[in-house]
Amino acid sequence: MNVRVTNNWCYSSSTPRYQDTLTDCVDYVGSSTKWPADFELPPGKTTASYPKYYDTDAVRIYRGCKVWMLEEVTGLYEVWDRRGEVTSMWKKIVNSERWNVYQIQCG
């Protein structure tokens, strides 16, 4: 399963946003070559491979899914569980963070 990422976070707070799309922040839905945009990052790929995503700002945790993530620099391990929820959640990524999504379980 792909992971949706965005290269623009236009909110003053880093509090997670509980919504399926970031329409306030994204002008180019589904684009890996534009800014401000979002797109589906395929498994095994990194945003470092996409020049417009050198500064990825958020990742979407899909509604109905559980996601396991590890931050490379600090070793922080997080599990986000949206199973049984009706909306997705966008998690802000701080500039110095390097998150890896290790597992996604949906359904």
C-alpha atoms as a PDB file:
ATOM      1  CA  MET A   1       0.000   0.000   0.000  1.00  0.00           C
ATOM      2  CA  ASN A   2       1.201   3.505  -0.780  1.00  0.00           C
ATOM      3  CA  VAL A   3       1.698   6.278   1.769  1.00  0.00           C
ATOM      4  CA  ARG A   4       0.358   9.752   0.971  1.00  0.00           C
ATOM      5  CA  VAL A   5       2.773  12.599   1.705  1.00  0.00           C
ATOM      6  CA  THR A   6       2.680  16.367   1.264  1.00  0.00           C
ATOM      7  CA  ASN A   7       5.391  18.974   0.769  1.00  0.00           C
ATOM      8  CA  ASN A   8       3.343  21.764   2.348  1.00  0.00           C
ATOM      9  CA  TRP A   9       1.942  22.166   5.868  1.00  0.00           C
ATOM     10  CA  CYS A  10       0.142  25.502   6.010  1.00  0.00           C
ATOM     11  CA  TYR A  11      -1.115  25.366   9.612  1.00  0.00           C
ATOM     12  CA  SER A  12       0.529  27.241  12.490  1.00  0.00           C
ATOM     13  CA  SER A  13       0.160  24.263  14.833  1.00  0.00           C
ATOM     14  CA  SER A  14       1.848  20.889  14.401  1.00  0.00           C
ATOM     15  CA  THR A  15      -1.158  19.162  15.974  1.00  0.00           C
ATOM     16  CA  PRO A  16      -2.353  16.257  13.790  1.00  0.00           C
ATOM     17  CA  ARG A  17      -5.151  17.121  11.357  1.00  0.00           C
ATOM     18  CA  TYR A  18      -8.074  14.705  11.244  1.00  0.00           C
ATOM     19  CA  GLN A  19      -9.221  14.931   7.648  1.00  0.00           C
ATOM     20  CA  ASP A  20      -8.787  12.929   4.462  1.00  0.00           C
ATOM     21  CA  THR A  21      -7.212  15.681   2.348  1.00  0.00           C
ATOM     22  CA  LEU A  22      -5.258  18.853   3.081  1.00  0.00           C
ATOM     23  CA  THR A  23      -7.198  21.022   0.649  1.00  0.00           C
ATOM     24  CA  ASP A  24      -6.125  24.181   2.520  1.00  0.00           C
ATOM     25  CA  CYS A  25      -2.448  23.414   1.843  1.00  0.00           C
ATOM     26  CA  VAL A  26      -2.368  21.512  -1.452  1.00  0.00           C
ATOM     27  CA  ASP A  27      -2.902  23.000  -4.913  1.00  0.00           C
ATOM     28  CA  TYR A  28      -1.604  20.007  -6.899  1.00  0.00           C
ATOM     29  CA  VAL A  29      -3.254  16.783  -5.739  1.00  0.00           C
ATOM     30  CA  GLY A  30      -1.358  13.666  -6.773  1.00  0.00           C
ATOM     31  CA  SER A  31       1.771  15.444  -8.006  1.00  0.00           C
ATOM     32  CA  SER A  32       5.321  14.401  -7.149  1.00  0.00           C
ATOM     33  CA  THR A  33       6.805  17.203  -9.278  1.00  0.00           C
ATOM     34  CA  LYS A  34       5.067  20.352  -7.995  1.00  0.00           C
ATOM     35  CA  TRP A  35       4.649  22.487  -4.866  1.00  0.00           C
ATOM     36  CA  PRO A  36       2.372  22.748  -2.907  1.00  0.00           C
ATOM     37  CA  ALA A  37       1.295  19.189  -3.559  1.00  0.00           C
ATOM     38  CA  ASP A  38       0.691  15.692  -2.268  1.00  0.00           C
ATOM     39  CA  PHE A  39       1.079  12.247  -3.811  1.00  0.00           C
ATOM     40  CA  GLU A  40       1.103   8.517  -3.110  1.00  0.00           C
ATOM     41  CA  LEU A  41       4.617   7.353  -2.246  1.00  0.00           C
ATOM     42  CA  PRO A  42       5.059   3.739  -3.399  1.00  0.00           C
ATOM     43  CA  PRO A  43       6.415   1.051  -1.047  1.00  0.00           C
ATOM     44  CA  GLY A  44      10.200   0.929  -0.899  1.00  0.00           C
ATOM     45  CA  LYS A  45      10.572   4.515  -2.144  1.00  0.00           C
ATOM     46  CA  THR A  46      11.788   7.578  -0.278  1.00  0.00           C
ATOM     47  CA  THR A  47      10.740  11.203  -0.711  1.00  0.00           C
ATOM     48  CA  ALA A  48      14.461  11.983  -1.097  1.00  0.00           C
ATOM     49  CA  SER A  49      14.079  10.665  -4.665  1.00  0.00           C
ATOM     50  CA  TYR A  50      11.651  13.472  -5.513  1.00  0.00           C
ATOM     51  CA  PRO A  51      13.239  16.967  -5.734  1.00  0.00           C
ATOM     52  CA  LYS A  52      10.034  18.810  -4.782  1.00  0.00           C
ATOM     53  CA  TYR A  53       9.816  16.663  -1.633  1.00  0.00           C
ATOM     54  CA  TYR A  54      13.279  17.434  -0.206  1.00  0.00           C
ATOM     55  CA  ASP A  55      11.306  18.896   2.720  1.00  0.00           C
ATOM     56  CA  THR A  56       8.360  16.545   3.215  1.00  0.00           C
ATOM     57  CA  ASP A  57       5.972  18.134   5.703  1.00  0.00           C
ATOM     58  CA  ALA A  58       3.390  15.473   6.574  1.00  0.00           C
ATOM     59  CA  VAL A  59       2.289  11.882   6.100  1.00  0.00           C
ATOM     60  CA  ARG A  60      -1.297  10.620   6.033  1.00  0.00           C
ATOM     61  CA  ILE A  61      -2.383   7.781   8.307  1.00  0.00           C
ATOM     62  CA  TYR A  62      -5.354   6.319   6.451  1.00  0.00           C
ATOM     63  CA  ARG A  63      -8.702   5.811   8.124  1.00  0.00           C
ATOM     64  CA  GLY A  64      -9.215   2.132   8.830  1.00  0.00           C
ATOM     65  CA  CYS A  65      -5.465   1.452   8.972  1.00  0.00           C
ATOM     66  CA  LYS A  66      -2.732   0.951  11.536  1.00  0.00           C
ATOM     67  CA  VAL A  67       0.728   2.298  10.685  1.00  0.00           C
ATOM     68  CA  TRP A  68       4.099   1.524  12.281  1.00  0.00           C
ATOM     69  CA  MET A  69       6.752   4.242  11.874  1.00  0.00           C
ATOM     70  CA  LEU A  70      10.355   4.704  13.018  1.00  0.00           C
ATOM     71  CA  GLU A  71      12.210   8.015  13.156  1.00  0.00           C
ATOM     72  CA  GLU A  72      15.788   7.337  11.939  1.00  0.00           C
ATOM     73  CA  VAL A  73      17.631  10.068  13.859  1.00  0.00           C
ATOM     74  CA  THR A  74      16.147   9.647  17.355  1.00  0.00           C
ATOM     75  CA  GLY A  75      15.031   6.015  17.150  1.00  0.00           C
ATOM     76  CA  LEU A  76      11.520   7.028  18.214  1.00  0.00           C
ATOM     77  CA  TYR A  77       9.012   4.313  17.329  1.00  0.00           C
ATOM     78  CA  GLU A  78       5.341   5.218  16.881  1.00  0.00           C
ATOM     79  CA  VAL A  79       2.214   3.271  16.059  1.00  0.00           C
ATOM     80  CA  TRP A  80      -0.794   5.166  14.722  1.00  0.00           C
ATOM     81  CA  ASP A  81      -4.071   3.262  14.790  1.00  0.00           C
ATOM     82  CA  ARG A  82      -6.971   4.628  12.720  1.00  0.00           C
ATOM     83  CA  ARG A  83      -8.846   1.308  12.497  1.00  0.00           C
ATOM     84  CA  GLY A  84     -12.537   1.902  13.071  1.00  0.00           C
ATOM     85  CA  GLU A  85     -12.152   5.651  12.444  1.00  0.00           C
ATOM     86  CA  VAL A  86     -14.087   7.537   9.759  1.00  0.00           C
ATOM     87  CA  THR A  87     -11.375  10.088   8.899  1.00  0.00           C
ATOM     88  CA  SER A  88      -7.697   9.877   8.102  1.00  0.00           C
ATOM     89  CA  MET A  89      -5.040  11.703  10.113  1.00  0.00           C
ATOM     90  CA  TRP A  90      -2.176  13.826   8.813  1.00  0.00           C
ATOM     91  CA  LYS A  91       0.968  13.740  10.980  1.00  0.00           C
ATOM     92  CA  LYS A  92       3.272  16.756  10.727  1.00  0.00           C
ATOM     93  CA  ILE A  93       6.915  15.951  10.078  1.00  0.00           C
ATOM     94  CA  VAL A  94       9.417  18.350  11.647  1.00  0.00           C
ATOM     95  CA  ASN A  95      12.194  19.452   9.285  1.00  0.00           C
ATOM     96  CA  SER A  96      14.960  17.447  10.979  1.00  0.00           C
ATOM     97  CA  GLU A  97      12.924  14.225  11.252  1.00  0.00           C
ATOM     98  CA  ARG A  98      13.384  11.225   8.940  1.00  0.00           C
ATOM     99  CA  TRP A  99      10.421   8.865   9.309  1.00  0.00           C
ATOM    100  CA  ASN A 100      10.245   5.389   7.820  1.00  0.00           C
ATOM    101  CA  VAL A 101       6.917   3.617   7.474  1.00  0.00           C
ATOM    102  CA  TYR A 102       7.576  -0.034   8.283  1.00  0.00           C
ATOM    103  CA  GLN A 103       4.163  -1.601   8.155  1.00  0.00           C
ATOM    104  CA  ILE A 104       0.608  -0.720   7.185  1.00  0.00           C
ATOM    105  CA  GLN A 105      -2.318  -2.922   8.142  1.00  0.00           C
ATOM    106  CA  CYS A 106      -5.785  -2.017   6.883  1.00  0.00           C
ATOM    107  CA  GLY A 107      -9.176  -3.569   7.353  1.00  0.00           C
END
